[in-house]
């Protein structure tokens, strides 16, 4: 027994397939944009963290210089302290 399918139904099915293909392409394009923007945001965040770390290192060095810690560091005060503990 032959089955007859109306032409309109076949056309609607083809339209639905085209819509699904278009939606899939749009989803893939959106994914690529999200991945790109996420990658760029991560790069900016990493760069910001590196710059912040460098800035803090500089501040720490300035703090040590301002408080003459380099003088204490230059002396062998740890060894003197240990020797005084043994005496």
PDB file of N, CA and C in Angstrom:
ATOM      1  N   UNK A   1       0.852  -1.177   0.000  1.00  0.00           N
ATOM      2  CA  UNK A   1       0.000   0.000   0.000  1.00  0.00           C
ATOM      3  C   UNK A   1       0.899   1.242   0.000  1.00  0.00           C
ATOM      4  N   UNK A   2       0.795   2.005  -1.051  1.00  0.00           N
ATOM      5  CA  UNK A   2       1.617   3.204  -1.146  1.00  0.00           C
ATOM      6  C   UNK A   2       1.143   4.287  -0.169  1.00  0.00           C
ATOM      7  N   UNK A   3       2.139   5.042   0.317  1.00  0.00           N
ATOM      8  CA  UNK A   3       1.848   6.137   1.243  1.00  0.00           C
ATOM      9  C   UNK A   3       2.020   7.442   0.485  1.00  0.00           C
ATOM     10  N   UNK A   4       1.062   8.294   0.602  1.00  0.00           N
ATOM     11  CA  UNK A   4       1.186   9.586  -0.061  1.00  0.00           C
ATOM     12  C   UNK A   4       1.385  10.668   1.001  1.00  0.00           C
ATOM     13  N   UNK A   5       2.405  11.477   0.769  1.00  0.00           N
ATOM     14  CA  UNK A   5       2.718  12.571   1.702  1.00  0.00           C
ATOM     15  C   UNK A   5       2.482  13.872   0.948  1.00  0.00           C
ATOM     16  N   UNK A   6       1.732  14.754   1.535  1.00  0.00           N
ATOM     17  CA  UNK A   6       1.482  16.027   0.848  1.00  0.00           C
ATOM     18  C   UNK A   6       2.787  16.813   0.676  1.00  0.00           C
ATOM     19  N   UNK A   7       2.891  17.502  -0.423  1.00  0.00           N
ATOM     20  CA  UNK A   7       4.070  18.304  -0.748  1.00  0.00           C
ATOM     21  C   UNK A   7       4.290  19.390   0.299  1.00  0.00           C
ATOM     22  N   UNK A   8       3.218  19.971   0.817  1.00  0.00           N
ATOM     23  CA  UNK A   8       3.341  21.022   1.830  1.00  0.00           C
ATOM     24  C   UNK A   8       4.042  20.500   3.082  1.00  0.00           C
ATOM     25  N   UNK A   9       3.749  19.266   3.451  1.00  0.00           N
ATOM     26  CA  UNK A   9       4.369  18.678   4.641  1.00  0.00           C
ATOM     27  C   UNK A   9       5.866  18.483   4.421  1.00  0.00           C
ATOM     28  N   UNK A  10       6.230  18.060   3.232  1.00  0.00           N
ATOM     29  CA  UNK A  10       7.648  17.888   2.910  1.00  0.00           C
ATOM     30  C   UNK A  10       8.359  19.245   2.909  1.00  0.00           C
ATOM     31  N   UNK A  11       7.716  20.261   2.370  1.00  0.00           N
ATOM     32  CA  UNK A  11       8.307  21.604   2.359  1.00  0.00           C
ATOM     33  C   UNK A  11       8.472  22.141   3.781  1.00  0.00           C
ATOM     34  N   UNK A  12       7.473  21.901   4.627  1.00  0.00           N
ATOM     35  CA  UNK A  12       7.574  22.342   6.025  1.00  0.00           C
ATOM     36  C   UNK A  12       8.723  21.616   6.725  1.00  0.00           C
ATOM     37  N   UNK A  13       8.865  20.328   6.449  1.00  0.00           N
ATOM     38  CA  UNK A  13       9.952  19.559   7.046  1.00  0.00           C
ATOM     39  C   UNK A  13      11.307  20.105   6.599  1.00  0.00           C
ATOM     40  N   UNK A  14      11.438  20.446   5.329  1.00  0.00           N
ATOM     41  CA  UNK A  14      12.684  21.007   4.814  1.00  0.00           C
ATOM     42  C   UNK A  14      12.952  22.382   5.433  1.00  0.00           C
ATOM     43  N   UNK A  15      11.900  23.167   5.611  1.00  0.00           N
ATOM     44  CA  UNK A  15      12.058  24.469   6.267  1.00  0.00           C
ATOM     45  C   UNK A  15      12.541  24.301   7.703  1.00  0.00           C
ATOM     46  N   UNK A  16      11.973  23.304   8.391  1.00  0.00           N
ATOM     47  CA  UNK A  16      12.408  23.039   9.765  1.00  0.00           C
ATOM     48  C   UNK A  16      13.870  22.603   9.813  1.00  0.00           C
ATOM     49  N   UNK A  17      14.266  21.788   8.862  1.00  0.00           N
ATOM     50  CA  UNK A  17      15.668  21.368   8.809  1.00  0.00           C
ATOM     51  C   UNK A  17      16.583  22.568   8.565  1.00  0.00           C
ATOM     52  N   UNK A  18      16.175  23.454   7.663  1.00  0.00           N
ATOM     53  CA  UNK A  18      16.966  24.657   7.395  1.00  0.00           C
ATOM     54  C   UNK A  18      17.059  25.542   8.642  1.00  0.00           C
ATOM     55  N   UNK A  19      15.933  25.673   9.352  1.00  0.00           N
ATOM     56  CA  UNK A  19      15.931  26.470  10.582  1.00  0.00           C
ATOM     57  C   UNK A  19      16.859  25.860  11.629  1.00  0.00           C
ATOM     58  N   UNK A  20      16.812  24.528  11.759  1.00  0.00           N
ATOM     59  CA  UNK A  20      17.695  23.857  12.721  1.00  0.00           C
ATOM     60  C   UNK A  20      19.164  24.054  12.353  1.00  0.00           C
ATOM     61  N   UNK A  21      19.461  23.970  11.072  1.00  0.00           N
ATOM     62  CA  UNK A  21      20.840  24.177  10.623  1.00  0.00           C
ATOM     63  C   UNK A  21      21.284  25.607  10.927  1.00  0.00           C
ATOM     64  N   UNK A  22      20.417  26.570  10.655  1.00  0.00           N
ATOM     65  CA  UNK A  22      20.729  27.974  10.933  1.00  0.00           C
ATOM     66  C   UNK A  22      20.931  28.195  12.426  1.00  0.00           C
ATOM     67  N   UNK A  23      20.059  27.597  13.241  1.00  0.00           N
ATOM     68  CA  UNK A  23      20.197  27.734  14.689  1.00  0.00           C
ATOM     69  C   UNK A  23      21.508  27.121  15.167  1.00  0.00           C
ATOM     70  N   UNK A  24      21.848  25.966  14.626  1.00  0.00           N
ATOM     71  CA  UNK A  24      23.107  25.318  15.002  1.00  0.00           C
ATOM     72  C   UNK A  24      24.297  26.207  14.623  1.00  0.00           C
ATOM     73  N   UNK A  25      24.256  26.798  13.447  1.00  0.00           N
ATOM     74  CA  UNK A  25      25.335  27.699  13.023  1.00  0.00           C
ATOM     75  C   UNK A  25      25.412  28.927  13.929  1.00  0.00           C
ATOM     76  N   UNK A  26      24.250  29.450  14.325  1.00  0.00           N
ATOM     77  CA  UNK A  26      24.240  30.607  15.237  1.00  0.00           C
ATOM     78  C   UNK A  26      24.813  30.241  16.603  1.00  0.00           C
ATOM     79  N   UNK A  27      24.467  29.049  17.073  1.00  0.00           N
ATOM     80  CA  UNK A  27      24.995  28.601  18.367  1.00  0.00           C
ATOM     81  C   UNK A  27      26.515  28.467  18.297  1.00  0.00           C
ATOM     82  N   UNK A  28      27.013  27.877  17.229  1.00  0.00           N
ATOM     83  CA  UNK A  28      28.460  27.724  17.066  1.00  0.00           C
ATOM     84  C   UNK A  28      29.157  29.083  16.984  1.00  0.00           C
ATOM     85  N   UNK A  29      28.564  30.021  16.260  1.00  0.00           N
ATOM     86  CA  UNK A  29      29.138  31.371  16.164  1.00  0.00           C
ATOM     87  C   UNK A  29      29.150  32.041  17.541  1.00  0.00           C
ATOM     88  N   UNK A  30      28.078  31.864  18.298  1.00  0.00           N
ATOM     89  CA  UNK A  30      28.013  32.441  19.646  1.00  0.00           C
ATOM     90  C   UNK A  30      29.063  31.815  20.551  1.00  0.00           C
ATOM     91  N   UNK A  31      29.239  30.501  20.431  1.00  0.00           N
ATOM     92  CA  UNK A  31      30.257  29.814  21.235  1.00  0.00           C
ATOM     93  C   UNK A  31      31.643  30.350  20.929  1.00  0.00           C
ATOM     94  N   UNK A  32      31.917  30.555  19.639  1.00  0.00           N
ATOM     95  CA  UNK A  32      33.226  31.086  19.248  1.00  0.00           C
ATOM     96  C   UNK A  32      33.434  32.482  19.824  1.00  0.00           C
ATOM     97  N   UNK A  33      32.388  33.311  19.801  1.00  0.00           N
ATOM     98  CA  UNK A  33      32.504  34.657  20.366  1.00  0.00           C
ATOM     99  C   UNK A  33      32.732  34.595  21.870  1.00  0.00           C
ATOM    100  N   UNK A  34      31.991  33.731  22.551  1.00  0.00           N
ATOM    101  CA  UNK A  34      32.156  33.599  23.998  1.00  0.00           C
ATOM    102  C   UNK A  34      33.565  33.124  24.329  1.00  0.00           C
ATOM    103  N   UNK A  35      34.048  32.122  23.592  1.00  0.00           N
ATOM    104  CA  UNK A  35      35.410  31.622  23.832  1.00  0.00           C
ATOM    105  C   UNK A  35      36.444  32.715  23.597  1.00  0.00           C
ATOM    106  N   UNK A  36      36.238  33.501  22.536  1.00  0.00           N
ATOM    107  CA  UNK A  36      37.176  34.586  22.248  1.00  0.00           C
ATOM    108  C   UNK A  36      37.161  35.627  23.368  1.00  0.00           C
ATOM    109  N   UNK A  37      35.958  36.066  23.756  1.00  0.00           N
ATOM    110  CA  UNK A  37      35.870  37.084  24.802  1.00  0.00           C
ATOM    111  C   UNK A  37      36.368  36.549  26.141  1.00  0.00           C
ATOM    112  N   UNK A  38      36.098  35.290  26.432  1.00  0.00           N
ATOM    113  CA  UNK A  38      36.596  34.696  27.677  1.00  0.00           C
ATOM    114  C   UNK A  38      38.123  34.655  27.656  1.00  0.00           C
ATOM    115  N   UNK A  39      38.688  34.253  26.509  1.00  0.00           N
ATOM    116  CA  UNK A  39      40.149  34.216  26.384  1.00  0.00           C
ATOM    117  C   UNK A  39      40.759  35.599  26.553  1.00  0.00           C
ATOM    118  N   UNK A  40      40.147  36.602  25.928  1.00  0.00           N
ATOM    119  CA  UNK A  40      40.655  37.969  26.056  1.00  0.00           C
ATOM    120  C   UNK A  40      40.529  38.467  27.498  1.00  0.00           C
ATOM    121  N   UNK A  41      39.417  38.157  28.133  1.00  0.00           N
ATOM    122  CA  UNK A  41      39.227  38.572  29.527  1.00  0.00           C
ATOM    123  C   UNK A  41      40.254  37.901  30.426  1.00  0.00           C
ATOM    124  N   UNK A  42      40.525  36.638  30.185  1.00  0.00           N
ATOM    125  CA  UNK A  42      41.516  35.910  30.984  1.00  0.00           C
ATOM    126  C   UNK A  42      42.896  36.515  30.781  1.00  0.00           C
ATOM    127  N   UNK A  43      43.234  36.852  29.534  1.00  0.00           N
ATOM    128  CA  UNK A  43      44.527  37.485  29.270  1.00  0.00           C
ATOM    129  C   UNK A  43      44.653  38.809  30.023  1.00  0.00           C
ATOM    130  N   UNK A  44      43.573  39.622  29.976  1.00  0.00           N
ATOM    131  CA  UNK A  44      43.606  40.908  30.681  1.00  0.00           C
ATOM    132  C   UNK A  44      43.733  40.699  32.186  1.00  0.00           C
ATOM    133  N   UNK A  45      43.026  39.708  32.725  1.00  0.00           N
ATOM    134  CA  UNK A  45      43.100  39.430  34.158  1.00  0.00           C
ATOM    135  C   UNK A  45      44.498  38.969  34.543  1.00  0.00           C
ATOM    136  N   UNK A  46      45.074  38.070  33.746  1.00  0.00           N
ATOM    137  CA  UNK A  46      46.430  37.604  34.024  1.00  0.00           C
ATOM    138  C   UNK A  46      47.428  38.755  33.986  1.00  0.00           C
ATOM    139  N   UNK A  47      47.307  39.604  32.987  1.00  0.00           N
ATOM    140  CA  UNK A  47      48.204  40.755  32.877  1.00  0.00           C
ATOM    141  C   UNK A  47      48.027  41.687  34.071  1.00  0.00           C
ATOM    142  N   UNK A  48      46.789  41.889  34.486  1.00  0.00           N
ATOM    143  CA  UNK A  48      46.510  42.737  35.631  1.00  0.00           C
ATOM    144  C   UNK A  48      47.136  42.161  36.898  1.00  0.00           C
ATOM    145  N   UNK A  49      47.025  40.845  37.067  1.00  0.00           N
ATOM    146  CA  UNK A  49      47.625  40.202  38.245  1.00  0.00           C
ATOM    147  C   UNK A  49      49.142  40.340  38.239  1.00  0.00           C
ATOM    148  N   UNK A  50      49.745  40.176  37.077  1.00  0.00           N
ATOM    149  CA  UNK A  50      51.200  40.304  36.981  1.00  0.00           C
ATOM    150  C   UNK A  50      51.614  41.738  37.300  1.00  0.00           C
ATOM    151  N   UNK A  51      50.910  42.709  36.727  1.00  0.00           N
ATOM    152  CA  UNK A  51      51.238  44.111  37.002  1.00  0.00           C
ATOM    153  C   UNK A  51      51.041  44.443  38.472  1.00  0.00           C
ATOM    154  N   UNK A  52      49.966  43.921  39.072  1.00  0.00           N
ATOM    155  CA  UNK A  52      49.705  44.180  40.483  1.00  0.00           C
ATOM    156  C   UNK A  52      50.799  43.576  41.352  1.00  0.00           C
ATOM    157  N   UNK A  53      51.239  42.369  40.998  1.00  0.00           N
ATOM    158  CA  UNK A  53      52.318  41.720  41.750  1.00  0.00           C
ATOM    159  C   UNK A  53      53.599  42.535  41.649  1.00  0.00           C
ATOM    160  N   UNK A  54      53.908  42.999  40.444  1.00  0.00           N
ATOM    161  CA  UNK A  54      55.104  43.824  40.266  1.00  0.00           C
ATOM    162  C   UNK A  54      54.993  45.120  41.068  1.00  0.00           C
ATOM    163  N   UNK A  55      53.811  45.721  41.059  1.00  0.00           N
ATOM    164  CA  UNK A  55      53.614  46.966  41.806  1.00  0.00           C
ATOM    165  C   UNK A  55      53.819  46.729  43.300  1.00  0.00           C
ATOM    166  N   UNK A  56      53.265  45.601  43.795  1.00  0.00           N
ATOM    167  CA  UNK A  56      53.433  45.303  45.218  1.00  0.00           C
ATOM    168  C   UNK A  56      54.889  45.028  45.571  1.00  0.00           C
ATOM    169  N   UNK A  57      55.620  44.373  44.666  1.00  0.00           N
ATOM    170  CA  UNK A  57      57.047  44.137  44.914  1.00  0.00           C
ATOM    171  C   UNK A  57      57.785  45.466  45.035  1.00  0.00           C
ATOM    172  N   UNK A  58      57.469  46.398  44.125  1.00  0.00           N
ATOM    173  CA  UNK A  58      58.112  47.711  44.177  1.00  0.00           C
ATOM    174  C   UNK A  58      57.766  48.429  45.472  1.00  0.00           C
ATOM    175  N   UNK A  59      56.498  48.364  45.889  1.00  0.00           N
ATOM    176  CA  UNK A  59      56.105  49.002  47.135  1.00  0.00           C
ATOM    177  C   UNK A  59      56.842  48.381  48.312  1.00  0.00           C
ATOM    178  N   UNK A  60      57.015  47.069  48.278  1.00  0.00           N
ATOM    179  CA  UNK A  60      57.714  46.380  49.363  1.00  0.00           C
ATOM    180  C   UNK A  60      59.161  46.826  49.426  1.00  0.00           C
ATOM    181  N   UNK A  61      59.805  46.937  48.254  1.00  0.00           N
ATOM    182  CA  UNK A  61      61.195  47.395  48.220  1.00  0.00           C
ATOM    183  C   UNK A  61      61.284  48.817  48.753  1.00  0.00           C
ATOM    184  N   UNK A  62      60.352  49.691  48.320  1.00  0.00           N
ATOM    185  CA  UNK A  62      60.362  51.068  48.819  1.00  0.00           C
ATOM    186  C   UNK A  62      60.147  51.094  50.326  1.00  0.00           C
ATOM    187  N   UNK A  63      59.278  50.232  50.832  1.00  0.00           N
ATOM    188  CA  UNK A  63      59.031  50.182  52.274  1.00  0.00           C
ATOM    189  C   UNK A  63      60.306  49.793  53.008  1.00  0.00           C
ATOM    190  N   UNK A  64      60.980  48.767  52.487  1.00  0.00           N
ATOM    191  CA  UNK A  64      62.223  48.335  53.142  1.00  0.00           C
ATOM    192  C   UNK A  64      63.269  49.435  53.102  1.00  0.00           C
ATOM    193  N   UNK A  65      63.363  50.111  51.977  1.00  0.00           N
ATOM    194  CA  UNK A  65      64.341  51.194  51.875  1.00  0.00           C
ATOM    195  C   UNK A  65      63.980  52.332  52.819  1.00  0.00           C
ATOM    196  N   UNK A  66      62.709  52.652  52.907  1.00  0.00           N
ATOM    197  CA  UNK A  66      62.278  53.746  53.780  1.00  0.00           C
ATOM    198  C   UNK A  66      62.510  53.424  55.249  1.00  0.00           C
ATOM    199  N   UNK A  67      62.464  52.150  55.606  1.00  0.00           N
ATOM    200  CA  UNK A  67      62.586  51.770  57.013  1.00  0.00           C
ATOM    201  C   UNK A  67      63.948  51.170  57.348  1.00  0.00           C
ATOM    202  N   UNK A  68      64.911  51.366  56.473  1.00  0.00           N
ATOM    203  CA  UNK A  68      66.292  50.940  56.707  1.00  0.00           C
ATOM    204  C   UNK A  68      66.426  49.450  56.982  1.00  0.00           C
ATOM    205  N   UNK A  69      65.535  48.652  56.435  1.00  0.00           N
ATOM    206  CA  UNK A  69      65.653  47.203  56.637  1.00  0.00           C
ATOM    207  C   UNK A  69      66.879  46.657  55.923  1.00  0.00           C
ATOM    208  N   UNK A  70      67.323  47.368  54.909  1.00  0.00           N
ATOM    209  CA  UNK A  70      68.499  46.875  54.193  1.00  0.00           C
ATOM    210  C   UNK A  70      69.736  46.914  55.101  1.00  0.00           C
ATOM    211  N   UNK A  71      69.758  47.823  56.078  1.00  0.00           N
ATOM    212  CA  UNK A  71      70.881  47.881  57.014  1.00  0.00           C
ATOM    213  C   UNK A  71      70.862  46.638  57.893  1.00  0.00           C
ATOM    214  N   UNK A  72      69.693  46.309  58.426  1.00  0.00           N
ATOM    215  CA  UNK A  72      69.590  45.116  59.262  1.00  0.00           C
ATOM    216  C   UNK A  72      69.861  43.852  58.458  1.00  0.00           C
ATOM    217  N   UNK A  73      69.429  43.863  57.241  1.00  0.00           N
ATOM    218  CA  UNK A  73      69.622  42.705  56.390  1.00  0.00           C
ATOM    219  C   UNK A  73      71.106  42.524  56.083  1.00  0.00           C
ATOM    220  N   UNK A  74      71.828  43.634  55.910  1.00  0.00           N
ATOM    221  CA  UNK A  74      73.247  43.569  55.593  1.00  0.00           C
ATOM    222  C   UNK A  74      74.050  43.014  56.758  1.00  0.00           C
ATOM    223  N   UNK A  75      73.636  43.294  57.972  1.00  0.00           N
ATOM    224  CA  UNK A  75      74.335  42.751  59.136  1.00  0.00           C
ATOM    225  C   UNK A  75      73.946  41.291  59.307  1.00  0.00           C
ATOM    226  N   UNK A  76      74.772  40.590  59.979  1.00  0.00           N
ATOM    227  CA  UNK A  76      74.477  39.185  60.211  1.00  0.00           C
ATOM    228  C   UNK A  76      73.798  39.051  61.567  1.00  0.00           C
ATOM    229  N   UNK A  77      72.674  39.697  61.728  1.00  0.00           N
ATOM    230  CA  UNK A  77      72.014  39.766  63.028  1.00  0.00           C
ATOM    231  C   UNK A  77      71.383  38.434  63.423  1.00  0.00           C
ATOM    232  N   UNK A  78      71.035  37.610  62.473  1.00  0.00           N
ATOM    233  CA  UNK A  78      70.453  36.309  62.817  1.00  0.00           C
ATOM    234  C   UNK A  78      71.506  35.436  63.487  1.00  0.00           C
ATOM    235  N   UNK A  79      72.709  35.423  62.907  1.00  0.00           N
ATOM    236  CA  UNK A  79      73.776  34.621  63.494  1.00  0.00           C
ATOM    237  C   UNK A  79      74.130  35.144  64.881  1.00  0.00           C
ATOM    238  N   UNK A  80      74.170  36.457  65.044  1.00  0.00           N
ATOM    239  CA  UNK A  80      74.469  37.031  66.360  1.00  0.00           C
ATOM    240  C   UNK A  80      73.407  36.619  67.367  1.00  0.00           C
ATOM    241  N   UNK A  81      72.158  36.629  66.945  1.00  0.00           N
ATOM    242  CA  UNK A  81      71.062  36.236  67.834  1.00  0.00           C
ATOM    243  C   UNK A  81      71.190  34.768  68.225  1.00  0.00           C
ATOM    244  N   UNK A  82      71.512  33.915  67.254  1.00  0.00           N
ATOM    245  CA  UNK A  82      71.683  32.497  67.571  1.00  0.00           C
ATOM    246  C   UNK A  82      72.863  32.269  68.519  1.00  0.00           C
ATOM    247  N   UNK A  83      73.956  32.987  68.283  1.00  0.00           N
ATOM    248  CA  UNK A  83      75.108  32.839  69.168  1.00  0.00           C
ATOM    249  C   UNK A  83      74.797  33.312  70.578  1.00  0.00           C
ATOM    250  N   UNK A  84      73.978  34.376  70.679  1.00  0.00           N
ATOM    251  CA  UNK A  84      73.627  34.867  72.023  1.00  0.00           C
ATOM    252  C   UNK A  84      72.730  33.862  72.727  1.00  0.00           C
ATOM    253  N   UNK A  85      71.946  33.098  71.989  1.00  0.00           N
ATOM    254  CA  UNK A  85      71.119  32.062  72.617  1.00  0.00           C
ATOM    255  C   UNK A  85      71.964  30.937  73.191  1.00  0.00           C
ATOM    256  N   UNK A  86      73.103  30.659  72.542  1.00  0.00           N
ATOM    257  CA  UNK A  86      73.956  29.560  73.002  1.00  0.00           C
ATOM    258  C   UNK A  86      74.838  29.970  74.174  1.00  0.00           C
ATOM    259  N   UNK A  87      74.986  31.272  74.394  1.00  0.00           N
ATOM    260  CA  UNK A  87      75.876  31.684  75.477  1.00  0.00           C
ATOM    261  C   UNK A  87      75.199  31.738  76.795  1.00  0.00           C
TER     262      UNK A  87
END
